[in-house]
Amino acid sequence: MSTSSDADADADAGLDAIVGERGHLTNLAYRLLGSLAEAEDAVQETYARWYAMPSRKREAVESPGAWLTTVAGRICLDLLGSARARRERYVGEWVPEPLPDRTEWIGGAAVGGGTRPVDPADRVTLDESVNMAFLVVLESMTPAERVAFILHDVFRYPFAEIARIVGRTPAACRQLAASARRRVSAAQVPTAATPGQAPLVRHFKEAWEARDIKALVGLLAPDATMIADGGGLVGAALRPVEGGARIAEYLIQIADRAPGLKLLERSVNGRPGLVAQHTGVTVTVAAFELADDRVTRIWAVRNPEKLGPWVADEQN
């Protein structure tokens, strides 16, 4: 005969299991949306729908984790559709939201609303599927392609489950994932971190600090591209800056306009990058792509709304 304490223990275990899905859902939503803020909103909405159901319906769900993933996937699919329209109105270039190393993560939202210290389980796992080059290619996909590809190729969900989220047949989802895979292949996204990236980023930092334009040009590929994202909230180039020489000149101009700018070597989406601080506040996070020991791409995020997870005041 079961007792009330047994029932309470079962309820606690069930609650722990539900809350324990939060990290997985955040990881999934960030890869689908390219925005931590939107990912957290999607996860919040997923939990809101779960707790909005009558208890008898929740108890009838055989796999709460699968239910939560399905709902989160559908919410993200809807958000991706509306994001296309929003990004057409976005001022300047749109770059995915950069993430710091796990040890430097700050901020966060609680399942029940409000703020809380970030639990390690909530942090996005920094693997190859969140490096900036990969996320940028994801932006070129249709919402359905992106959802099918991420769920299948990154999270290993079967197409039968993906079909219920996307609202298409398993065969159609397989085609969507294959199309997305071709986009990734055509973009030649690096599948692993370049061993020499950290030293090269360090040399880049030193040349920038010294305002050594010749050294900067030598570190940049002749056809390098820099994309800056200010979102219309802070100054940033509205179009890509193309060519190593032009990028070097642009960076020197930035340094001249912001005396006291402090550059820090930091992990950005799991790869060596740079953080620029002015008067103790993070104002830019830069991610890099390398090829043949040269910088080929720079993504400089300046939009303050995308810098929430970054430490505001560094002591070292």
C-alpha atoms as a PDB file:
ATOM      1  CA  MET A   1       0.000   0.000   0.000  1.00  0.00           C
ATOM      2  CA  SER A   2       1.452   3.310  -1.025  1.00  0.00           C
ATOM      3  CA  THR A   3       1.704   6.137   1.453  1.00  0.00           C
ATOM      4  CA  SER A   4       1.474   9.886   1.099  1.00  0.00           C
ATOM      5  CA  SER A   5       5.263  10.079   1.515  1.00  0.00           C
ATOM      6  CA  ASP A   6       5.675   7.673  -1.424  1.00  0.00           C
ATOM      7  CA  ALA A   7       3.386   9.851  -3.525  1.00  0.00           C
ATOM      8  CA  ASP A   8       5.345  12.937  -2.523  1.00  0.00           C
ATOM      9  CA  ALA A   9       8.606  11.221  -3.455  1.00  0.00           C
ATOM     10  CA  ASP A  10       7.192  10.235  -6.838  1.00  0.00           C
ATOM     11  CA  ALA A  11       5.993  13.801  -7.419  1.00  0.00           C
ATOM     12  CA  ASP A  12       9.408  15.193  -6.499  1.00  0.00           C
ATOM     13  CA  ALA A  13      11.119  12.731  -8.831  1.00  0.00           C
ATOM     14  CA  GLY A  14       8.748  13.691 -11.623  1.00  0.00           C
ATOM     15  CA  LEU A  15       9.377  17.386 -11.054  1.00  0.00           C
ATOM     16  CA  ASP A  16      13.139  16.820 -11.024  1.00  0.00           C
ATOM     17  CA  ALA A  17      12.894  14.951 -14.317  1.00  0.00           C
ATOM     18  CA  ILE A  18      10.902  17.757 -15.921  1.00  0.00           C
ATOM     19  CA  VAL A  19      13.203  20.501 -14.655  1.00  0.00           C
ATOM     20  CA  GLY A  20      16.190  18.376 -15.658  1.00  0.00           C
ATOM     21  CA  GLU A  21      15.174  18.725 -19.304  1.00  0.00           C
ATOM     22  CA  ARG A  22      15.841  22.477 -19.196  1.00  0.00           C
ATOM     23  CA  GLY A  23      19.502  22.194 -20.173  1.00  0.00           C
ATOM     24  CA  HIS A  24      18.700  20.001 -23.175  1.00  0.00           C
ATOM     25  CA  LEU A  25      15.936  22.343 -24.295  1.00  0.00           C
ATOM     26  CA  THR A  26      18.206  25.394 -24.003  1.00  0.00           C
ATOM     27  CA  ASN A  27      20.900  23.665 -26.037  1.00  0.00           C
ATOM     28  CA  LEU A  28      18.374  22.741 -28.702  1.00  0.00           C
ATOM     29  CA  ALA A  29      16.694  26.152 -28.832  1.00  0.00           C
ATOM     30  CA  TYR A  30      19.965  28.102 -29.066  1.00  0.00           C
ATOM     31  CA  ARG A  31      21.105  26.052 -32.059  1.00  0.00           C
ATOM     32  CA  LEU A  32      17.731  26.476 -33.702  1.00  0.00           C
ATOM     33  CA  LEU A  33      17.443  30.218 -33.076  1.00  0.00           C
ATOM     34  CA  GLY A  34      21.020  31.534 -32.837  1.00  0.00           C
ATOM     35  CA  SER A  35      19.947  33.727 -29.937  1.00  0.00           C
ATOM     36  CA  LEU A  36      20.273  32.875 -26.267  1.00  0.00           C
ATOM     37  CA  ALA A  37      17.597  35.387 -25.293  1.00  0.00           C
ATOM     38  CA  GLU A  38      15.121  33.890 -27.769  1.00  0.00           C
ATOM     39  CA  ALA A  39      16.147  30.377 -26.723  1.00  0.00           C
ATOM     40  CA  GLU A  40      15.413  31.154 -23.074  1.00  0.00           C
ATOM     41  CA  ASP A  41      12.040  32.624 -24.058  1.00  0.00           C
ATOM     42  CA  ALA A  42      11.234  29.487 -26.062  1.00  0.00           C
ATOM     43  CA  VAL A  43      12.127  27.254 -23.118  1.00  0.00           C
ATOM     44  CA  GLN A  44      10.048  29.405 -20.773  1.00  0.00           C
ATOM     45  CA  GLU A  45       7.068  29.127 -23.112  1.00  0.00           C
ATOM     46  CA  THR A  46       7.566  25.344 -23.343  1.00  0.00           C
ATOM     47  CA  TYR A  47       7.383  24.980 -19.570  1.00  0.00           C
ATOM     48  CA  ALA A  48       4.446  27.366 -19.394  1.00  0.00           C
ATOM     49  CA  ARG A  49       2.493  25.116 -21.760  1.00  0.00           C
ATOM     50  CA  TRP A  50       3.435  22.032 -19.751  1.00  0.00           C
ATOM     51  CA  TYR A  51       2.216  23.481 -16.465  1.00  0.00           C
ATOM     52  CA  ALA A  52      -0.870  24.952 -18.129  1.00  0.00           C
ATOM     53  CA  MET A  53      -2.114  21.422 -18.823  1.00  0.00           C
ATOM     54  CA  PRO A  54      -4.414  19.805 -16.264  1.00  0.00           C
ATOM     55  CA  SER A  55      -2.473  17.429 -14.004  1.00  0.00           C
ATOM     56  CA  ARG A  56      -4.337  14.411 -15.390  1.00  0.00           C
ATOM     57  CA  LYS A  57      -3.109  15.237 -18.883  1.00  0.00           C
ATOM     58  CA  ARG A  58       0.462  15.692 -17.678  1.00  0.00           C
ATOM     59  CA  GLU A  59       0.302  12.356 -15.892  1.00  0.00           C
ATOM     60  CA  ALA A  60      -0.913  10.713 -19.103  1.00  0.00           C
ATOM     61  CA  VAL A  61       2.188  11.823 -21.047  1.00  0.00           C
ATOM     62  CA  GLU A  62       4.361   8.713 -21.429  1.00  0.00           C
ATOM     63  CA  SER A  63       7.574  10.620 -22.112  1.00  0.00           C
ATOM     64  CA  PRO A  64       7.591  14.174 -20.709  1.00  0.00           C
ATOM     65  CA  GLY A  65      11.042  14.778 -22.201  1.00  0.00           C
ATOM     66  CA  ALA A  66       9.835  13.931 -25.692  1.00  0.00           C
ATOM     67  CA  TRP A  67       6.738  16.092 -25.164  1.00  0.00           C
ATOM     68  CA  LEU A  68       8.846  19.056 -24.082  1.00  0.00           C
ATOM     69  CA  THR A  69      11.220  18.625 -27.027  1.00  0.00           C
ATOM     70  CA  THR A  70       8.328  18.459 -29.480  1.00  0.00           C
ATOM     71  CA  VAL A  71       6.718  21.598 -28.100  1.00  0.00           C
ATOM     72  CA  ALA A  72      10.040  23.475 -27.935  1.00  0.00           C
ATOM     73  CA  GLY A  73      10.781  22.475 -31.536  1.00  0.00           C
ATOM     74  CA  ARG A  74       7.402  23.775 -32.719  1.00  0.00           C
ATOM     75  CA  ILE A  75       7.836  27.035 -30.813  1.00  0.00           C
ATOM     76  CA  CYS A  76      11.292  27.507 -32.363  1.00  0.00           C
ATOM     77  CA  LEU A  77       9.929  26.706 -35.817  1.00  0.00           C
ATOM     78  CA  ASP A  78       7.315  29.445 -35.410  1.00  0.00           C
ATOM     79  CA  LEU A  79       9.927  31.875 -34.087  1.00  0.00           C
ATOM     80  CA  LEU A  80      12.222  31.162 -37.038  1.00  0.00           C
ATOM     81  CA  GLY A  81       9.408  32.031 -39.428  1.00  0.00           C
ATOM     82  CA  SER A  82       8.729  35.370 -37.742  1.00  0.00           C
ATOM     83  CA  ALA A  83      12.462  36.050 -37.289  1.00  0.00           C
ATOM     84  CA  ARG A  84      12.924  36.256 -41.045  1.00  0.00           C
ATOM     85  CA  ALA A  85      10.564  39.198 -41.212  1.00  0.00           C
ATOM     86  CA  ARG A  86      12.139  40.852 -38.166  1.00  0.00           C
ATOM     87  CA  ARG A  87      15.644  40.493 -39.574  1.00  0.00           C
ATOM     88  CA  GLU A  88      14.610  42.148 -42.804  1.00  0.00           C
ATOM     89  CA  ARG A  89      13.947  45.243 -40.675  1.00  0.00           C
ATOM     90  CA  TYR A  90      17.114  44.818 -38.632  1.00  0.00           C
ATOM     91  CA  VAL A  91      19.540  47.732 -38.870  1.00  0.00           C
ATOM     92  CA  GLY A  92      22.765  46.531 -40.481  1.00  0.00           C
ATOM     93  CA  GLU A  93      24.047  42.962 -40.417  1.00  0.00           C
ATOM     94  CA  TRP A  94      22.598  40.300 -38.089  1.00  0.00           C
ATOM     95  CA  VAL A  95      25.078  37.971 -36.365  1.00  0.00           C
ATOM     96  CA  PRO A  96      24.145  35.104 -34.016  1.00  0.00           C
ATOM     97  CA  GLU A  97      24.497  35.852 -30.327  1.00  0.00           C
ATOM     98  CA  PRO A  98      28.001  34.936 -29.079  1.00  0.00           C
ATOM     99  CA  LEU A  99      28.513  32.698 -26.066  1.00  0.00           C
ATOM    100  CA  PRO A 100      31.345  32.802 -23.517  1.00  0.00           C
ATOM    101  CA  ASP A 101      33.213  29.878 -22.034  1.00  0.00           C
ATOM    102  CA  ARG A 102      31.180  27.888 -19.486  1.00  0.00           C
ATOM    103  CA  THR A 103      33.302  29.264 -16.629  1.00  0.00           C
ATOM    104  CA  GLU A 104      32.390  32.850 -17.524  1.00  0.00           C
ATOM    105  CA  TRP A 105      28.653  32.475 -18.051  1.00  0.00           C
ATOM    106  CA  ILE A 106      26.455  34.950 -16.158  1.00  0.00           C
ATOM    107  CA  GLY A 107      22.765  35.851 -16.073  1.00  0.00           C
ATOM    108  CA  GLY A 108      19.818  33.647 -16.845  1.00  0.00           C
ATOM    109  CA  ALA A 109      16.107  33.225 -16.311  1.00  0.00           C
ATOM    110  CA  ALA A 110      14.247  30.932 -13.978  1.00  0.00           C
ATOM    111  CA  VAL A 111      11.641  28.451 -15.103  1.00  0.00           C
ATOM    112  CA  GLY A 112       9.004  30.221 -13.026  1.00  0.00           C
ATOM    113  CA  GLY A 113       9.998  33.703 -14.126  1.00  0.00           C
ATOM    114  CA  GLY A 114      12.413  36.214 -12.664  1.00  0.00           C
ATOM    115  CA  THR A 115      16.170  35.815 -12.504  1.00  0.00           C
ATOM    116  CA  ARG A 116      18.431  33.297 -10.811  1.00  0.00           C
ATOM    117  CA  PRO A 117      22.064  32.242 -10.760  1.00  0.00           C
ATOM    118  CA  VAL A 118      22.757  30.121 -13.807  1.00  0.00           C
ATOM    119  CA  ASP A 119      22.837  26.397 -13.132  1.00  0.00           C
ATOM    120  CA  PRO A 120      25.645  24.586 -14.994  1.00  0.00           C
ATOM    121  CA  ALA A 121      22.983  22.409 -16.625  1.00  0.00           C
ATOM    122  CA  ASP A 122      21.481  25.474 -18.313  1.00  0.00           C
ATOM    123  CA  ARG A 123      24.650  26.447 -20.117  1.00  0.00           C
ATOM    124  CA  VAL A 124      24.893  25.741 -23.802  1.00  0.00           C
ATOM    125  CA  THR A 125      27.342  22.967 -24.591  1.00  0.00           C
ATOM    126  CA  LEU A 126      30.132  24.474 -26.679  1.00  0.00           C
ATOM    127  CA  ASP A 127      30.748  21.961 -29.429  1.00  0.00           C
ATOM    128  CA  GLU A 128      31.201  22.240 -33.204  1.00  0.00           C
ATOM    129  CA  SER A 129      27.487  22.907 -33.720  1.00  0.00           C
ATOM    130  CA  VAL A 130      27.731  26.305 -32.016  1.00  0.00           C
ATOM    131  CA  ASN A 131      30.886  27.713 -33.588  1.00  0.00           C
ATOM    132  CA  MET A 132      30.066  31.021 -35.260  1.00  0.00           C
ATOM    133  CA  ALA A 133      30.762  29.864 -38.824  1.00  0.00           C
ATOM    134  CA  PHE A 134      28.311  26.985 -38.371  1.00  0.00           C
ATOM    135  CA  LEU A 135      25.597  29.221 -36.889  1.00  0.00           C
ATOM    136  CA  VAL A 136      25.963  31.703 -39.749  1.00  0.00           C
ATOM    137  CA  VAL A 137      25.374  28.931 -42.302  1.00  0.00           C
ATOM    138  CA  LEU A 138      22.286  27.847 -40.351  1.00  0.00           C
ATOM    139  CA  GLU A 139      20.893  31.341 -40.937  1.00  0.00           C
ATOM    140  CA  SER A 140      20.849  30.656 -44.692  1.00  0.00           C
ATOM    141  CA  MET A 141      18.484  27.693 -44.251  1.00  0.00           C
ATOM    142  CA  THR A 142      14.716  27.703 -44.310  1.00  0.00           C
ATOM    143  CA  PRO A 143      13.136  27.225 -40.868  1.00  0.00           C
ATOM    144  CA  ALA A 144      12.099  23.658 -41.711  1.00  0.00           C
ATOM    145  CA  GLU A 145      15.573  22.794 -43.022  1.00  0.00           C
ATOM    146  CA  ARG A 146      17.195  24.149 -39.900  1.00  0.00           C
ATOM    147  CA  VAL A 147      14.904  22.268 -37.530  1.00  0.00           C
ATOM    148  CA  ALA A 148      15.214  18.981 -39.427  1.00  0.00           C
ATOM    149  CA  PHE A 149      18.992  19.278 -39.718  1.00  0.00           C
ATOM    150  CA  ILE A 150      19.650  20.251 -36.092  1.00  0.00           C
ATOM    151  CA  LEU A 151      17.311  17.641 -34.654  1.00  0.00           C
ATOM    152  CA  HIS A 152      18.666  14.850 -36.843  1.00  0.00           C
ATOM    153  CA  ASP A 153      22.337  15.600 -37.473  1.00  0.00           C
ATOM    154  CA  VAL A 154      23.159  17.251 -34.144  1.00  0.00           C
ATOM    155  CA  PHE A 155      20.726  15.682 -31.674  1.00  0.00           C
ATOM    156  CA  ARG A 156      20.190  12.371 -33.513  1.00  0.00           C
ATOM    157  CA  TYR A 157      16.404  12.398 -33.469  1.00  0.00           C
ATOM    158  CA  PRO A 158      14.756   9.958 -35.885  1.00  0.00           C
ATOM    159  CA  PHE A 159      12.877  11.452 -38.806  1.00  0.00           C
ATOM    160  CA  ALA A 160       9.608   9.976 -37.547  1.00  0.00           C
ATOM    161  CA  GLU A 161       9.824  12.213 -34.462  1.00  0.00           C
ATOM    162  CA  ILE A 162      11.014  15.206 -36.463  1.00  0.00           C
ATOM    163  CA  ALA A 163       8.018  14.807 -38.772  1.00  0.00           C
ATOM    164  CA  ARG A 164       5.647  15.407 -35.843  1.00  0.00           C
ATOM    165  CA  ILE A 165       7.447  18.656 -35.037  1.00  0.00           C
ATOM    166  CA  VAL A 166       7.811  19.995 -38.568  1.00  0.00           C
ATOM    167  CA  GLY A 167       4.405  18.784 -39.744  1.00  0.00           C
ATOM    168  CA  ARG A 168       5.746  16.912 -42.765  1.00  0.00           C
ATOM    169  CA  THR A 169       6.362  13.291 -43.664  1.00  0.00           C
ATOM    170  CA  PRO A 170       9.531  11.506 -42.478  1.00  0.00           C
ATOM    171  CA  ALA A 171      10.657  11.313 -46.111  1.00  0.00           C
ATOM    172  CA  ALA A 172      10.216  15.067 -46.547  1.00  0.00           C
ATOM    173  CA  CYS A 173      12.173  15.690 -43.334  1.00  0.00           C
ATOM    174  CA  ARG A 174      14.965  13.484 -44.637  1.00  0.00           C
ATOM    175  CA  GLN A 175      15.110  15.637 -47.771  1.00  0.00           C
ATOM    176  CA  LEU A 176      15.136  18.817 -45.679  1.00  0.00           C
ATOM    177  CA  ALA A 177      18.094  17.560 -43.651  1.00  0.00           C
ATOM    178  CA  ALA A 178      19.933  16.513 -46.815  1.00  0.00           C
ATOM    179  CA  SER A 179      19.408  19.976 -48.332  1.00  0.00           C
ATOM    180  CA  ALA A 180      20.704  21.616 -45.157  1.00  0.00           C
ATOM    181  CA  ARG A 181      23.704  19.285 -45.159  1.00  0.00           C
ATOM    182  CA  ARG A 182      24.586  20.393 -48.688  1.00  0.00           C
ATOM    183  CA  ARG A 183      24.511  24.029 -47.565  1.00  0.00           C
ATOM    184  CA  VAL A 184      26.960  23.261 -44.757  1.00  0.00           C
ATOM    185  CA  SER A 185      29.218  21.343 -47.130  1.00  0.00           C
ATOM    186  CA  ALA A 186      29.150  24.103 -49.759  1.00  0.00           C
ATOM    187  CA  ALA A 187      30.085  26.696 -47.137  1.00  0.00           C
ATOM    188  CA  GLN A 188      33.116  24.600 -46.131  1.00  0.00           C
ATOM    189  CA  VAL A 189      32.464  25.158 -42.458  1.00  0.00           C
ATOM    190  CA  PRO A 190      35.459  23.968 -40.386  1.00  0.00           C
ATOM    191  CA  THR A 191      34.566  20.782 -38.518  1.00  0.00           C
ATOM    192  CA  ALA A 192      37.253  21.230 -35.867  1.00  0.00           C
ATOM    193  CA  ALA A 193      39.098  24.070 -34.207  1.00  0.00           C
ATOM    194  CA  THR A 194      42.294  25.144 -35.973  1.00  0.00           C
ATOM    195  CA  PRO A 195      45.298  24.322 -33.713  1.00  0.00           C
ATOM    196  CA  GLY A 196      46.945  27.656 -34.464  1.00  0.00           C
ATOM    197  CA  GLN A 197      43.894  29.790 -33.786  1.00  0.00           C
ATOM    198  CA  ALA A 198      44.826  30.880 -30.256  1.00  0.00           C
ATOM    199  CA  PRO A 199      48.344  32.127 -31.174  1.00  0.00           C
ATOM    200  CA  LEU A 200      47.023  33.860 -34.290  1.00  0.00           C
ATOM    201  CA  VAL A 201      44.273  35.623 -32.340  1.00  0.00           C
ATOM    202  CA  ARG A 202      46.881  36.672 -29.777  1.00  0.00           C
ATOM    203  CA  HIS A 203      49.105  38.149 -32.509  1.00  0.00           C
ATOM    204  CA  PHE A 204      46.033  39.878 -33.953  1.00  0.00           C
ATOM    205  CA  LYS A 205      45.258  41.393 -30.541  1.00  0.00           C
ATOM    206  CA  GLU A 206      48.835  42.616 -30.120  1.00  0.00           C
ATOM    207  CA  ALA A 207      48.931  44.193 -33.591  1.00  0.00           C
ATOM    208  CA  TRP A 208      45.588  45.904 -32.976  1.00  0.00           C
ATOM    209  CA  GLU A 209      46.731  47.244 -29.606  1.00  0.00           C
ATOM    210  CA  ALA A 210      49.945  48.548 -31.193  1.00  0.00           C
ATOM    211  CA  ARG A 211      47.946  50.078 -34.081  1.00  0.00           C
ATOM    212  CA  ASP A 212      50.334  48.223 -36.382  1.00  0.00           C
ATOM    213  CA  ILE A 213      48.398  48.260 -39.653  1.00  0.00           C
ATOM    214  CA  LYS A 214      51.132  46.389 -41.527  1.00  0.00           C
ATOM    215  CA  ALA A 215      51.059  43.545 -39.013  1.00  0.00           C
ATOM    216  CA  LEU A 216      47.254  43.413 -39.140  1.00  0.00           C
ATOM    217  CA  VAL A 217      47.263  43.203 -42.934  1.00  0.00           C
ATOM    218  CA  GLY A 218      49.785  40.375 -42.692  1.00  0.00           C
ATOM    219  CA  LEU A 219      47.507  38.420 -40.365  1.00  0.00           C
ATOM    220  CA  LEU A 220      44.404  38.895 -42.526  1.00  0.00           C
ATOM    221  CA  ALA A 221      43.696  37.007 -45.744  1.00  0.00           C
ATOM    222  CA  PRO A 222      43.584  39.396 -48.724  1.00  0.00           C
ATOM    223  CA  ASP A 223      39.923  38.510 -49.285  1.00  0.00           C
ATOM    224  CA  ALA A 224      38.967  38.490 -45.597  1.00  0.00           C
ATOM    225  CA  THR A 225      35.540  39.754 -44.528  1.00  0.00           C
ATOM    226  CA  MET A 226      34.449  41.417 -41.305  1.00  0.00           C
ATOM    227  CA  ILE A 227      30.791  41.619 -40.325  1.00  0.00           C
ATOM    228  CA  ALA A 228      29.772  43.916 -37.480  1.00  0.00           C
ATOM    229  CA  ASP A 229      26.422  43.747 -35.686  1.00  0.00           C
ATOM    230  CA  GLY A 230      25.333  46.868 -33.835  1.00  0.00           C
ATOM    231  CA  GLY A 231      21.611  46.417 -34.319  1.00  0.00           C
ATOM    232  CA  GLY A 232      21.193  50.157 -34.787  1.00  0.00           C
ATOM    233  CA  LEU A 233      21.882  50.627 -31.071  1.00  0.00           C
ATOM    234  CA  VAL A 234      25.616  51.371 -31.288  1.00  0.00           C
ATOM    235  CA  GLY A 235      27.984  52.384 -34.066  1.00  0.00           C
ATOM    236  CA  ALA A 236      28.930  49.564 -36.450  1.00  0.00           C
ATOM    237  CA  ALA A 237      29.559  49.098 -40.156  1.00  0.00           C
ATOM    238  CA  LEU A 238      26.180  48.526 -41.802  1.00  0.00           C
ATOM    239  CA  ARG A 239      27.678  46.359 -44.540  1.00  0.00           C
ATOM    240  CA  PRO A 240      30.473  43.777 -44.534  1.00  0.00           C
ATOM    241  CA  VAL A 241      33.977  45.230 -44.651  1.00  0.00           C
ATOM    242  CA  GLU A 242      35.816  43.307 -47.361  1.00  0.00           C
ATOM    243  CA  GLY A 243      39.543  42.923 -47.932  1.00  0.00           C
ATOM    244  CA  GLY A 244      42.359  42.580 -45.421  1.00  0.00           C
ATOM    245  CA  ALA A 245      43.684  46.114 -45.961  1.00  0.00           C
ATOM    246  CA  ARG A 246      40.243  47.723 -45.479  1.00  0.00           C
ATOM    247  CA  ILE A 247      39.586  45.692 -42.347  1.00  0.00           C
ATOM    248  CA  ALA A 248      42.946  46.713 -40.874  1.00  0.00           C
ATOM    249  CA  GLU A 249      42.207  50.380 -41.559  1.00  0.00           C
ATOM    250  CA  TYR A 250      38.750  50.059 -40.019  1.00  0.00           C
ATOM    251  CA  LEU A 251      40.165  48.476 -36.844  1.00  0.00           C
ATOM    252  CA  ILE A 252      42.788  51.198 -36.461  1.00  0.00           C
ATOM    253  CA  GLN A 253      40.050  53.837 -36.792  1.00  0.00           C
ATOM    254  CA  ILE A 254      38.063  52.110 -34.029  1.00  0.00           C
ATOM    255  CA  ALA A 255      41.091  52.086 -31.735  1.00  0.00           C
ATOM    256  CA  ASP A 256      41.726  55.782 -32.430  1.00  0.00           C
ATOM    257  CA  ARG A 257      38.111  56.683 -31.623  1.00  0.00           C
ATOM    258  CA  ALA A 258      38.062  54.721 -28.347  1.00  0.00           C
ATOM    259  CA  PRO A 259      41.183  55.482 -26.317  1.00  0.00           C
ATOM    260  CA  GLY A 260      41.538  53.104 -23.411  1.00  0.00           C
ATOM    261  CA  LEU A 261      39.938  50.212 -25.276  1.00  0.00           C
ATOM    262  CA  LYS A 262      41.006  46.987 -23.567  1.00  0.00           C
ATOM    263  CA  LEU A 263      41.288  43.740 -25.526  1.00  0.00           C
ATOM    264  CA  LEU A 264      40.954  40.373 -23.797  1.00  0.00           C
ATOM    265  CA  GLU A 265      41.545  36.885 -25.171  1.00  0.00           C
ATOM    266  CA  ARG A 266      38.413  34.881 -24.516  1.00  0.00           C
ATOM    267  CA  SER A 267      36.659  31.785 -25.780  1.00  0.00           C
ATOM    268  CA  VAL A 268      33.813  32.752 -28.127  1.00  0.00           C
ATOM    269  CA  ASN A 269      31.430  29.921 -28.982  1.00  0.00           C
ATOM    270  CA  GLY A 270      34.129  27.441 -28.082  1.00  0.00           C
ATOM    271  CA  ARG A 271      36.875  29.008 -30.200  1.00  0.00           C
ATOM    272  CA  PRO A 272      39.599  31.574 -29.362  1.00  0.00           C
ATOM    273  CA  GLY A 273      38.254  35.088 -29.824  1.00  0.00           C
ATOM    274  CA  LEU A 274      38.538  38.620 -28.484  1.00  0.00           C
ATOM    275  CA  VAL A 275      36.460  40.735 -26.126  1.00  0.00           C
ATOM    276  CA  ALA A 276      36.801  44.525 -26.234  1.00  0.00           C
ATOM    277  CA  GLN A 277      36.010  46.493 -23.105  1.00  0.00           C
ATOM    278  CA  HIS A 278      35.732  50.222 -22.600  1.00  0.00           C
ATOM    279  CA  THR A 279      35.635  51.687 -19.091  1.00  0.00           C
ATOM    280  CA  GLY A 280      35.187  48.165 -17.740  1.00  0.00           C
ATOM    281  CA  VAL A 281      32.159  47.311 -19.886  1.00  0.00           C
ATOM    282  CA  THR A 282      32.126  44.712 -22.645  1.00  0.00           C
ATOM    283  CA  VAL A 283      31.347  46.561 -25.874  1.00  0.00           C
ATOM    284  CA  THR A 284      32.355  44.044 -28.560  1.00  0.00           C
ATOM    285  CA  VAL A 285      32.773  40.289 -28.820  1.00  0.00           C
ATOM    286  CA  ALA A 286      34.675  39.071 -31.883  1.00  0.00           C
ATOM    287  CA  ALA A 287      34.689  35.557 -33.311  1.00  0.00           C
ATOM    288  CA  PHE A 288      37.233  34.466 -35.920  1.00  0.00           C
ATOM    289  CA  GLU A 289      37.514  31.972 -38.755  1.00  0.00           C
ATOM    290  CA  LEU A 290      40.953  30.939 -40.011  1.00  0.00           C
ATOM    291  CA  ALA A 291      42.411  29.292 -43.088  1.00  0.00           C
ATOM    292  CA  ASP A 292      46.055  28.823 -44.072  1.00  0.00           C
ATOM    293  CA  ASP A 293      47.249  30.652 -40.945  1.00  0.00           C
ATOM    294  CA  ARG A 294      45.310  33.800 -41.829  1.00  0.00           C
ATOM    295  CA  VAL A 295      42.104  35.334 -40.524  1.00  0.00           C
ATOM    296  CA  THR A 296      39.421  34.917 -43.185  1.00  0.00           C
ATOM    297  CA  ARG A 297      36.293  35.986 -41.267  1.00  0.00           C
ATOM    298  CA  ILE A 298      35.589  38.211 -38.300  1.00  0.00           C
ATOM    299  CA  TRP A 299      32.162  38.490 -36.706  1.00  0.00           C
ATOM    300  CA  ALA A 300      32.090  41.474 -34.345  1.00  0.00           C
ATOM    301  CA  VAL A 301      28.979  41.623 -32.171  1.00  0.00           C
ATOM    302  CA  ARG A 302      28.405  45.092 -30.696  1.00  0.00           C
ATOM    303  CA  ASN A 303      24.653  45.027 -30.147  1.00  0.00           C
ATOM    304  CA  PRO A 304      24.417  45.338 -26.322  1.00  0.00           C
ATOM    305  CA  GLU A 305      21.263  43.230 -26.321  1.00  0.00           C
ATOM    306  CA  LYS A 306      23.382  40.271 -27.470  1.00  0.00           C
ATOM    307  CA  LEU A 307      26.107  40.657 -24.839  1.00  0.00           C
ATOM    308  CA  GLY A 308      24.056  39.673 -21.783  1.00  0.00           C
ATOM    309  CA  PRO A 309      25.967  36.463 -20.906  1.00  0.00           C
ATOM    310  CA  TRP A 310      29.316  38.275 -20.888  1.00  0.00           C
ATOM    311  CA  VAL A 311      31.002  39.559 -17.761  1.00  0.00           C
ATOM    312  CA  ALA A 312      30.527  43.329 -17.540  1.00  0.00           C
ATOM    313  CA  ASP A 313      33.699  44.089 -15.616  1.00  0.00           C
ATOM    314  CA  GLU A 314      36.912  42.053 -15.914  1.00  0.00           C
ATOM    315  CA  GLN A 315      39.571  42.190 -13.284  1.00  0.00           C
ATOM    316  CA  ASN A 316      42.314  40.511 -15.333  1.00  0.00           C
END
